[in-house]
Amino acid sequence: MRLTLLSSGSKGNATLIQTDTHTVLLDCGLSRRALSLRLQTLGLHLEDLDAIILSHEHDDHTKGLAQVLKHHPCPLYSHALTLQALAPLVIPQPHPVHPGEVVHLGSLEILPFQVSHDAVAPLGFKLSEAGRSVVHLTDSGFIPQTAHAPLANAEVYVLESNYDPALLFSSMRPYHLKSRIDSVKGHLSNVDAAYHLAHMVGPNTHSIVFAHLSEDCNSPSRTLETFYTVFSEYALATTHLTTLCANAQHPTPWIHV
């Protein structure tokens, strides 16, 4: 299995996952044209998609969904309440999923789990093939400690690291928006992300992708500095880890799981 984040951030989110049997898009927050262009840089086309997985209904995760499904109909997997929230969008092949219930797409095993965000039924996903796994978790303001063990020791983590608290609260954003972002139904800060990774990263882990960074209330340097500081405070080794920050401008390199 391998993956690339085609885009990540408030302007659009889309992750491409390839296994031995399937090419899957996780979220469709780019326009059909933009998505097609980014796939072409990888030697792929929209016709190659076997399925789309959707975390939640917000526009930065669904922007291109209507046009992609209209011109390239394929199965859409998401929570039943999220599928309902997409009305009046025509979904040719809806497949409701439920937290804690595994779905199989050929050799790919998908385990949805509930996250905490101001959407109707937001989900994160653990994606596994041949005993190796990716945890993909964005758009969540809170992760319970009980989630650490089930999500521990994945080979790859794609985890939201949305904002630096000092930059957020000194920004010109209205207070209600700052409060929403910083709430349990909002987003994870750099410190939040590093803390949770400190409790989930294991000996099998080799790559961490920080996702959904705010353009004006965060930076890749602040994200990585916070991560390495927290791991140092926990006396955790980082020399075996590859870390990178995804963005909305261009895809990440392929990450082999």
C-alpha atoms as a PDB file:
ATOM      1  CA  MET A   1       0.000   0.000   0.000  1.00  0.00           C
ATOM      2  CA  ARG A   2       1.081   3.544  -0.699  1.00  0.00           C
ATOM      3  CA  LEU A   3      -0.532   6.959  -0.302  1.00  0.00           C
ATOM      4  CA  THR A   4      -0.141  10.612  -1.165  1.00  0.00           C
ATOM      5  CA  LEU A   5      -1.985  13.628   0.155  1.00  0.00           C
ATOM      6  CA  LEU A   6      -3.094  15.407  -3.012  1.00  0.00           C
ATOM      7  CA  SER A   7      -4.182  18.434  -0.995  1.00  0.00           C
ATOM      8  CA  SER A   8      -4.513  19.218   2.693  1.00  0.00           C
ATOM      9  CA  GLY A   9      -5.911  22.311   4.392  1.00  0.00           C
ATOM     10  CA  SER A  10      -8.946  24.554   4.530  1.00  0.00           C
ATOM     11  CA  LYS A  11      -8.807  25.034   0.730  1.00  0.00           C
ATOM     12  CA  GLY A  12      -9.337  21.338   0.069  1.00  0.00           C
ATOM     13  CA  ASN A  13      -8.519  17.844   1.301  1.00  0.00           C
ATOM     14  CA  ALA A  14      -7.944  14.680  -0.702  1.00  0.00           C
ATOM     15  CA  THR A  15      -5.765  11.637  -0.028  1.00  0.00           C
ATOM     16  CA  LEU A  16      -5.054   8.952  -2.619  1.00  0.00           C
ATOM     17  CA  ILE A  17      -4.455   5.369  -1.464  1.00  0.00           C
ATOM     18  CA  GLN A  18      -3.278   2.546  -3.715  1.00  0.00           C
ATOM     19  CA  THR A  19      -3.178  -1.131  -2.801  1.00  0.00           C
ATOM     20  CA  ASP A  20      -2.546  -4.306  -4.785  1.00  0.00           C
ATOM     21  CA  THR A  21      -6.200  -4.314  -5.836  1.00  0.00           C
ATOM     22  CA  HIS A  22      -7.711  -0.818  -5.480  1.00  0.00           C
ATOM     23  CA  THR A  23      -7.167   2.893  -6.027  1.00  0.00           C
ATOM     24  CA  VAL A  24      -9.169   4.800  -3.423  1.00  0.00           C
ATOM     25  CA  LEU A  25      -9.737   8.505  -2.804  1.00  0.00           C
ATOM     26  CA  LEU A  26     -10.226   9.557   0.816  1.00  0.00           C
ATOM     27  CA  ASP A  27     -12.177  12.846   0.722  1.00  0.00           C
ATOM     28  CA  CYS A  28     -12.855  14.868  -2.408  1.00  0.00           C
ATOM     29  CA  GLY A  29     -12.243  18.480  -1.452  1.00  0.00           C
ATOM     30  CA  LEU A  30     -10.745  19.575  -4.784  1.00  0.00           C
ATOM     31  CA  SER A  31     -12.688  20.500  -7.905  1.00  0.00           C
ATOM     32  CA  ARG A  32     -12.951  17.768 -10.517  1.00  0.00           C
ATOM     33  CA  ARG A  33     -10.518  19.665 -12.762  1.00  0.00           C
ATOM     34  CA  ALA A  34      -7.949  20.237 -10.001  1.00  0.00           C
ATOM     35  CA  LEU A  35      -8.227  16.633  -8.881  1.00  0.00           C
ATOM     36  CA  SER A  36      -7.771  15.404 -12.449  1.00  0.00           C
ATOM     37  CA  LEU A  37      -4.668  17.558 -12.922  1.00  0.00           C
ATOM     38  CA  ARG A  38      -3.054  16.327  -9.719  1.00  0.00           C
ATOM     39  CA  LEU A  39      -3.781  12.723 -10.600  1.00  0.00           C
ATOM     40  CA  GLN A  40      -2.225  13.243 -14.029  1.00  0.00           C
ATOM     41  CA  THR A  41       1.048  14.318 -12.405  1.00  0.00           C
ATOM     42  CA  LEU A  42       1.075  10.843 -10.842  1.00  0.00           C
ATOM     43  CA  GLY A  43       0.262   9.103 -14.114  1.00  0.00           C
ATOM     44  CA  LEU A  44      -3.322   8.433 -13.027  1.00  0.00           C
ATOM     45  CA  HIS A  45      -6.816   9.498 -14.068  1.00  0.00           C
ATOM     46  CA  LEU A  46     -10.207   9.840 -12.401  1.00  0.00           C
ATOM     47  CA  GLU A  47     -11.308   6.721 -14.279  1.00  0.00           C
ATOM     48  CA  ASP A  48      -8.779   4.781 -12.194  1.00  0.00           C
ATOM     49  CA  LEU A  49     -10.703   5.406  -8.956  1.00  0.00           C
ATOM     50  CA  ASP A  50     -12.364   2.270  -7.592  1.00  0.00           C
ATOM     51  CA  ALA A  51     -14.026   3.983  -4.618  1.00  0.00           C
ATOM     52  CA  ILE A  52     -14.269   7.180  -2.586  1.00  0.00           C
ATOM     53  CA  ILE A  53     -14.221   7.274   1.213  1.00  0.00           C
ATOM     54  CA  LEU A  54     -15.657  10.378   2.847  1.00  0.00           C
ATOM     55  CA  SER A  55     -14.810  11.510   6.383  1.00  0.00           C
ATOM     56  CA  HIS A  56     -17.555  14.147   6.682  1.00  0.00           C
ATOM     57  CA  GLU A  57     -19.692  16.550   4.695  1.00  0.00           C
ATOM     58  CA  HIS A  58     -17.829  19.878   5.020  1.00  0.00           C
ATOM     59  CA  ASP A  59     -17.074  21.661   1.746  1.00  0.00           C
ATOM     60  CA  ASP A  60     -13.290  21.380   2.010  1.00  0.00           C
ATOM     61  CA  HIS A  61     -13.777  17.590   1.911  1.00  0.00           C
ATOM     62  CA  THR A  62     -16.600  17.388  -0.662  1.00  0.00           C
ATOM     63  CA  LYS A  63     -16.018  20.293  -3.093  1.00  0.00           C
ATOM     64  CA  GLY A  64     -15.547  18.114  -6.145  1.00  0.00           C
ATOM     65  CA  LEU A  65     -17.700  15.181  -5.120  1.00  0.00           C
ATOM     66  CA  ALA A  66     -20.826  15.989  -7.157  1.00  0.00           C
ATOM     67  CA  GLN A  67     -18.939  16.400 -10.441  1.00  0.00           C
ATOM     68  CA  VAL A  68     -16.654  13.424  -9.847  1.00  0.00           C
ATOM     69  CA  LEU A  69     -19.598  11.114  -9.138  1.00  0.00           C
ATOM     70  CA  LYS A  70     -21.552  12.547 -12.085  1.00  0.00           C
ATOM     71  CA  HIS A  71     -18.802  11.883 -14.622  1.00  0.00           C
ATOM     72  CA  HIS A  72     -17.020   8.965 -12.936  1.00  0.00           C
ATOM     73  CA  PRO A  73     -19.577   7.087 -10.819  1.00  0.00           C
ATOM     74  CA  CYS A  74     -17.974   4.827  -8.233  1.00  0.00           C
ATOM     75  CA  PRO A  75     -18.942   3.519  -4.778  1.00  0.00           C
ATOM     76  CA  LEU A  76     -19.019   6.142  -2.019  1.00  0.00           C
ATOM     77  CA  TYR A  77     -18.323   4.946   1.529  1.00  0.00           C
ATOM     78  CA  SER A  78     -19.285   7.122   4.481  1.00  0.00           C
ATOM     79  CA  HIS A  79     -21.439   7.233   7.598  1.00  0.00           C
ATOM     80  CA  ALA A  80     -25.154   6.895   6.839  1.00  0.00           C
ATOM     81  CA  LEU A  81     -25.857  10.297   8.415  1.00  0.00           C
ATOM     82  CA  THR A  82     -23.166  11.909   6.280  1.00  0.00           C
ATOM     83  CA  LEU A  83     -24.669  10.371   3.139  1.00  0.00           C
ATOM     84  CA  GLN A  84     -28.031  11.839   4.151  1.00  0.00           C
ATOM     85  CA  ALA A  85     -26.453  15.242   4.784  1.00  0.00           C
ATOM     86  CA  LEU A  86     -25.164  15.322   1.191  1.00  0.00           C
ATOM     87  CA  ALA A  87     -28.716  15.533  -0.224  1.00  0.00           C
ATOM     88  CA  PRO A  88     -29.739  16.531  -2.870  1.00  0.00           C
ATOM     89  CA  LEU A  89     -26.469  15.169  -4.302  1.00  0.00           C
ATOM     90  CA  VAL A  90     -27.130  12.077  -6.404  1.00  0.00           C
ATOM     91  CA  ILE A  91     -24.992   9.215  -5.090  1.00  0.00           C
ATOM     92  CA  PRO A  92     -25.067   6.327  -7.601  1.00  0.00           C
ATOM     93  CA  GLN A  93     -23.560   3.718  -5.259  1.00  0.00           C
ATOM     94  CA  PRO A  94     -23.893   4.711  -1.576  1.00  0.00           C
ATOM     95  CA  HIS A  95     -22.293   2.399   0.975  1.00  0.00           C
ATOM     96  CA  PRO A  96     -23.035   3.331   4.608  1.00  0.00           C
ATOM     97  CA  VAL A  97     -20.282   2.465   7.088  1.00  0.00           C
ATOM     98  CA  HIS A  98     -20.414   2.354  10.863  1.00  0.00           C
ATOM     99  CA  PRO A  99     -17.715   3.117  13.449  1.00  0.00           C
ATOM    100  CA  GLY A 100     -16.002  -0.058  14.598  1.00  0.00           C
ATOM    101  CA  GLU A 101     -17.241  -2.185  11.669  1.00  0.00           C
ATOM    102  CA  VAL A 102     -14.577  -3.213   9.146  1.00  0.00           C
ATOM    103  CA  VAL A 103     -15.175  -2.768   5.407  1.00  0.00           C
ATOM    104  CA  HIS A 104     -13.146  -4.638   2.790  1.00  0.00           C
ATOM    105  CA  LEU A 105     -12.199  -3.331  -0.641  1.00  0.00           C
ATOM    106  CA  GLY A 106     -10.222  -6.169  -2.141  1.00  0.00           C
ATOM    107  CA  SER A 107      -7.022  -6.432  -0.101  1.00  0.00           C
ATOM    108  CA  LEU A 108      -7.746  -3.142   1.718  1.00  0.00           C
ATOM    109  CA  GLU A 109      -9.305  -3.317   5.177  1.00  0.00           C
ATOM    110  CA  ILE A 110     -11.000  -0.101   6.332  1.00  0.00           C
ATOM    111  CA  LEU A 111     -11.869   0.461   9.983  1.00  0.00           C
ATOM    112  CA  PRO A 112     -13.904   3.663  10.498  1.00  0.00           C
ATOM    113  CA  PHE A 113     -13.876   5.273  13.932  1.00  0.00           C
ATOM    114  CA  GLN A 114     -15.714   8.251  15.382  1.00  0.00           C
ATOM    115  CA  VAL A 115     -13.951  11.593  15.777  1.00  0.00           C
ATOM    116  CA  SER A 116     -15.021  14.851  17.428  1.00  0.00           C
ATOM    117  CA  HIS A 117     -15.873  17.644  14.985  1.00  0.00           C
ATOM    118  CA  ASP A 118     -18.813  19.930  14.223  1.00  0.00           C
ATOM    119  CA  ALA A 119     -20.163  17.703  11.467  1.00  0.00           C
ATOM    120  CA  VAL A 120     -23.088  15.266  11.569  1.00  0.00           C
ATOM    121  CA  ALA A 121     -21.052  12.061  11.937  1.00  0.00           C
ATOM    122  CA  PRO A 122     -17.330  12.636  11.282  1.00  0.00           C
ATOM    123  CA  LEU A 123     -15.014   9.668  10.895  1.00  0.00           C
ATOM    124  CA  GLY A 124     -11.339   8.804  10.972  1.00  0.00           C
ATOM    125  CA  PHE A 125     -10.021   5.652   9.330  1.00  0.00           C
ATOM    126  CA  LYS A 126      -7.487   2.934   9.961  1.00  0.00           C
ATOM    127  CA  LEU A 127      -6.523   1.423   6.611  1.00  0.00           C
ATOM    128  CA  SER A 128      -4.705  -1.896   6.562  1.00  0.00           C
ATOM    129  CA  GLU A 129      -3.273  -4.265   3.990  1.00  0.00           C
ATOM    130  CA  ALA A 130      -1.112  -7.339   4.568  1.00  0.00           C
ATOM    131  CA  GLY A 131      -0.673  -6.533   8.257  1.00  0.00           C
ATOM    132  CA  ARG A 132       0.535  -2.955   7.675  1.00  0.00           C
ATOM    133  CA  SER A 133      -1.618   0.064   8.434  1.00  0.00           C
ATOM    134  CA  VAL A 134      -2.216   3.805   8.094  1.00  0.00           C
ATOM    135  CA  VAL A 135      -4.177   5.882  10.605  1.00  0.00           C
ATOM    136  CA  HIS A 136      -5.842   8.833   8.863  1.00  0.00           C
ATOM    137  CA  LEU A 137      -7.319  11.305  11.344  1.00  0.00           C
ATOM    138  CA  THR A 138      -8.116  14.932  10.528  1.00  0.00           C
ATOM    139  CA  ASP A 139     -10.813  17.413  11.580  1.00  0.00           C
ATOM    140  CA  SER A 140     -11.144  16.447  15.210  1.00  0.00           C
ATOM    141  CA  GLY A 141     -10.885  18.658  18.266  1.00  0.00           C
ATOM    142  CA  PHE A 142     -10.450  15.798  20.711  1.00  0.00           C
ATOM    143  CA  ILE A 143      -9.053  12.274  20.840  1.00  0.00           C
ATOM    144  CA  PRO A 144      -9.898  10.207  23.927  1.00  0.00           C
ATOM    145  CA  GLN A 145      -7.075   8.356  25.630  1.00  0.00           C
ATOM    146  CA  THR A 146      -9.053   5.138  25.071  1.00  0.00           C
ATOM    147  CA  ALA A 147      -8.345   5.522  21.340  1.00  0.00           C
ATOM    148  CA  HIS A 148      -4.584   5.350  21.765  1.00  0.00           C
ATOM    149  CA  ALA A 149      -4.309   1.565  22.115  1.00  0.00           C
ATOM    150  CA  PRO A 150      -6.564   0.637  19.129  1.00  0.00           C
ATOM    151  CA  LEU A 151      -4.679   3.068  16.909  1.00  0.00           C
ATOM    152  CA  ALA A 152      -1.191   2.354  18.250  1.00  0.00           C
ATOM    153  CA  ASN A 153       1.862   1.197  16.309  1.00  0.00           C
ATOM    154  CA  ALA A 154       0.643   1.922  12.786  1.00  0.00           C
ATOM    155  CA  GLU A 155       3.306   2.163  10.113  1.00  0.00           C
ATOM    156  CA  VAL A 156       2.062   5.594   9.000  1.00  0.00           C
ATOM    157  CA  TYR A 157       0.072   8.343  10.716  1.00  0.00           C
ATOM    158  CA  VAL A 158      -1.724  11.118   8.867  1.00  0.00           C
ATOM    159  CA  LEU A 159      -2.764  13.378  11.725  1.00  0.00           C
ATOM    160  CA  GLU A 160      -4.222  16.849  11.859  1.00  0.00           C
ATOM    161  CA  SER A 161      -1.964  19.508  13.352  1.00  0.00           C
ATOM    162  CA  ASN A 162      -4.073  22.526  12.555  1.00  0.00           C
ATOM    163  CA  TYR A 163      -2.905  25.497  14.613  1.00  0.00           C
ATOM    164  CA  ASP A 164      -0.384  27.011  16.955  1.00  0.00           C
ATOM    165  CA  PRO A 165      -2.366  28.383  19.944  1.00  0.00           C
ATOM    166  CA  ALA A 166      -0.286  31.573  20.223  1.00  0.00           C
ATOM    167  CA  LEU A 167      -0.792  32.375  16.542  1.00  0.00           C
ATOM    168  CA  LEU A 168      -4.496  31.538  16.671  1.00  0.00           C
ATOM    169  CA  PHE A 169      -5.336  33.739  19.644  1.00  0.00           C
ATOM    170  CA  SER A 170      -3.199  36.639  18.443  1.00  0.00           C
ATOM    171  CA  SER A 171      -4.755  36.511  14.974  1.00  0.00           C
ATOM    172  CA  MET A 172      -7.418  38.893  13.651  1.00  0.00           C
ATOM    173  CA  ARG A 173      -9.995  36.126  13.486  1.00  0.00           C
ATOM    174  CA  PRO A 174     -13.230  36.789  15.417  1.00  0.00           C
ATOM    175  CA  TYR A 175     -13.335  35.328  18.899  1.00  0.00           C
ATOM    176  CA  HIS A 176     -16.202  32.952  18.114  1.00  0.00           C
ATOM    177  CA  LEU A 177     -14.100  31.380  15.336  1.00  0.00           C
ATOM    178  CA  LYS A 178     -11.058  31.077  17.585  1.00  0.00           C
ATOM    179  CA  SER A 179     -13.232  29.382  20.210  1.00  0.00           C
ATOM    180  CA  ARG A 180     -14.708  27.021  17.643  1.00  0.00           C
ATOM    181  CA  ILE A 181     -11.272  25.971  16.339  1.00  0.00           C
ATOM    182  CA  ASP A 182      -9.934  25.479  19.879  1.00  0.00           C
ATOM    183  CA  SER A 183     -12.986  23.493  21.057  1.00  0.00           C
ATOM    184  CA  VAL A 184     -13.447  19.731  21.362  1.00  0.00           C
ATOM    185  CA  LYS A 185     -15.552  19.919  18.178  1.00  0.00           C
ATOM    186  CA  GLY A 186     -12.899  21.924  16.311  1.00  0.00           C
ATOM    187  CA  HIS A 187      -9.336  21.007  15.394  1.00  0.00           C
ATOM    188  CA  LEU A 188      -6.177  19.596  16.956  1.00  0.00           C
ATOM    189  CA  SER A 189      -3.372  22.008  17.799  1.00  0.00           C
ATOM    190  CA  ASN A 190       0.310  21.227  17.258  1.00  0.00           C
ATOM    191  CA  VAL A 191       0.632  20.310  20.932  1.00  0.00           C
ATOM    192  CA  ASP A 192      -2.460  18.089  20.769  1.00  0.00           C
ATOM    193  CA  ALA A 193      -1.133  16.237  17.741  1.00  0.00           C
ATOM    194  CA  ALA A 194       2.313  15.695  19.252  1.00  0.00           C
ATOM    195  CA  TYR A 195       0.827  14.521  22.560  1.00  0.00           C
ATOM    196  CA  HIS A 196      -1.400  11.928  20.909  1.00  0.00           C
ATOM    197  CA  LEU A 197       1.386  10.715  18.650  1.00  0.00           C
ATOM    198  CA  ALA A 198       3.602  10.267  21.704  1.00  0.00           C
ATOM    199  CA  HIS A 199       1.031   7.755  22.956  1.00  0.00           C
ATOM    200  CA  MET A 200       0.434   5.994  19.632  1.00  0.00           C
ATOM    201  CA  VAL A 201       3.746   5.811  17.763  1.00  0.00           C
ATOM    202  CA  GLY A 202       5.333   2.374  18.125  1.00  0.00           C
ATOM    203  CA  PRO A 203       8.281   0.343  16.840  1.00  0.00           C
ATOM    204  CA  ASN A 204       6.531  -0.270  13.489  1.00  0.00           C
ATOM    205  CA  THR A 205       5.943   3.433  12.856  1.00  0.00           C
ATOM    206  CA  HIS A 206       8.205   4.964  10.204  1.00  0.00           C
ATOM    207  CA  SER A 207       6.312   7.980   8.791  1.00  0.00           C
ATOM    208  CA  ILE A 208       4.177  10.817  10.135  1.00  0.00           C
ATOM    209  CA  VAL A 209       2.326  13.289   7.937  1.00  0.00           C
ATOM    210  CA  PHE A 210       1.001  16.405   9.642  1.00  0.00           C
ATOM    211  CA  ALA A 211      -2.180  17.489   7.870  1.00  0.00           C
ATOM    212  CA  HIS A 212      -4.704  20.325   7.662  1.00  0.00           C
ATOM    213  CA  LEU A 213      -2.238  23.024   8.771  1.00  0.00           C
ATOM    214  CA  SER A 214      -3.759  26.485   9.012  1.00  0.00           C
ATOM    215  CA  GLU A 215      -2.148  28.886   6.537  1.00  0.00           C
ATOM    216  CA  ASP A 216      -2.248  31.897   8.867  1.00  0.00           C
ATOM    217  CA  CYS A 217      -2.272  30.315  12.346  1.00  0.00           C
ATOM    218  CA  ASN A 218       0.449  27.723  11.853  1.00  0.00           C
ATOM    219  CA  SER A 219       3.554  26.857   9.844  1.00  0.00           C
ATOM    220  CA  PRO A 220       5.433  23.652   9.024  1.00  0.00           C
ATOM    221  CA  SER A 221       8.394  24.814  11.134  1.00  0.00           C
ATOM    222  CA  ARG A 222       6.210  25.402  14.202  1.00  0.00           C
ATOM    223  CA  THR A 223       4.460  22.068  13.707  1.00  0.00           C
ATOM    224  CA  LEU A 224       7.689  20.086  13.496  1.00  0.00           C
ATOM    225  CA  GLU A 225       9.380  22.022  16.287  1.00  0.00           C
ATOM    226  CA  THR A 226       6.466  21.269  18.612  1.00  0.00           C
ATOM    227  CA  PHE A 227       6.486  17.592  17.658  1.00  0.00           C
ATOM    228  CA  TYR A 228      10.196  17.127  18.329  1.00  0.00           C
ATOM    229  CA  THR A 229      10.002  19.100  21.582  1.00  0.00           C
ATOM    230  CA  VAL A 230       7.144  16.972  22.920  1.00  0.00           C
ATOM    231  CA  PHE A 231       8.845  13.713  21.928  1.00  0.00           C
ATOM    232  CA  SER A 232      12.034  14.911  23.603  1.00  0.00           C
ATOM    233  CA  GLU A 233      10.110  15.688  26.782  1.00  0.00           C
ATOM    234  CA  TYR A 234       8.701  12.147  26.719  1.00  0.00           C
ATOM    235  CA  ALA A 235      12.222  10.787  26.032  1.00  0.00           C
ATOM    236  CA  LEU A 236      10.990   9.187  22.805  1.00  0.00           C
ATOM    237  CA  ALA A 237      13.329   8.487  19.895  1.00  0.00           C
ATOM    238  CA  THR A 238      12.629  10.184  16.576  1.00  0.00           C
ATOM    239  CA  THR A 239      15.663   9.227  14.487  1.00  0.00           C
ATOM    240  CA  HIS A 240      13.738   6.388  12.813  1.00  0.00           C
ATOM    241  CA  LEU A 241      10.788   8.627  11.863  1.00  0.00           C
ATOM    242  CA  THR A 242      10.215  10.478   8.611  1.00  0.00           C
ATOM    243  CA  THR A 243       8.075  13.567   9.214  1.00  0.00           C
ATOM    244  CA  LEU A 244       6.520  15.953   6.726  1.00  0.00           C
ATOM    245  CA  CYS A 245       3.781  18.569   6.545  1.00  0.00           C
ATOM    246  CA  ALA A 246       1.169  18.333   3.810  1.00  0.00           C
ATOM    247  CA  ASN A 247      -0.233  21.439   2.131  1.00  0.00           C
ATOM    248  CA  ALA A 248      -2.915  22.521  -0.319  1.00  0.00           C
ATOM    249  CA  GLN A 249      -0.557  23.545  -3.124  1.00  0.00           C
ATOM    250  CA  HIS A 250       0.904  20.233  -4.266  1.00  0.00           C
ATOM    251  CA  PRO A 251       0.798  16.514  -3.440  1.00  0.00           C
ATOM    252  CA  THR A 252       3.173  14.917  -0.973  1.00  0.00           C
ATOM    253  CA  PRO A 253       5.630  12.331  -2.269  1.00  0.00           C
ATOM    254  CA  TRP A 254       4.314   8.775  -2.319  1.00  0.00           C
ATOM    255  CA  ILE A 255       4.532   7.263   1.149  1.00  0.00           C
ATOM    256  CA  HIS A 256       5.011   3.507   1.072  1.00  0.00           C
ATOM    257  CA  VAL A 257       3.409   1.763   4.005  1.00  0.00           C
END
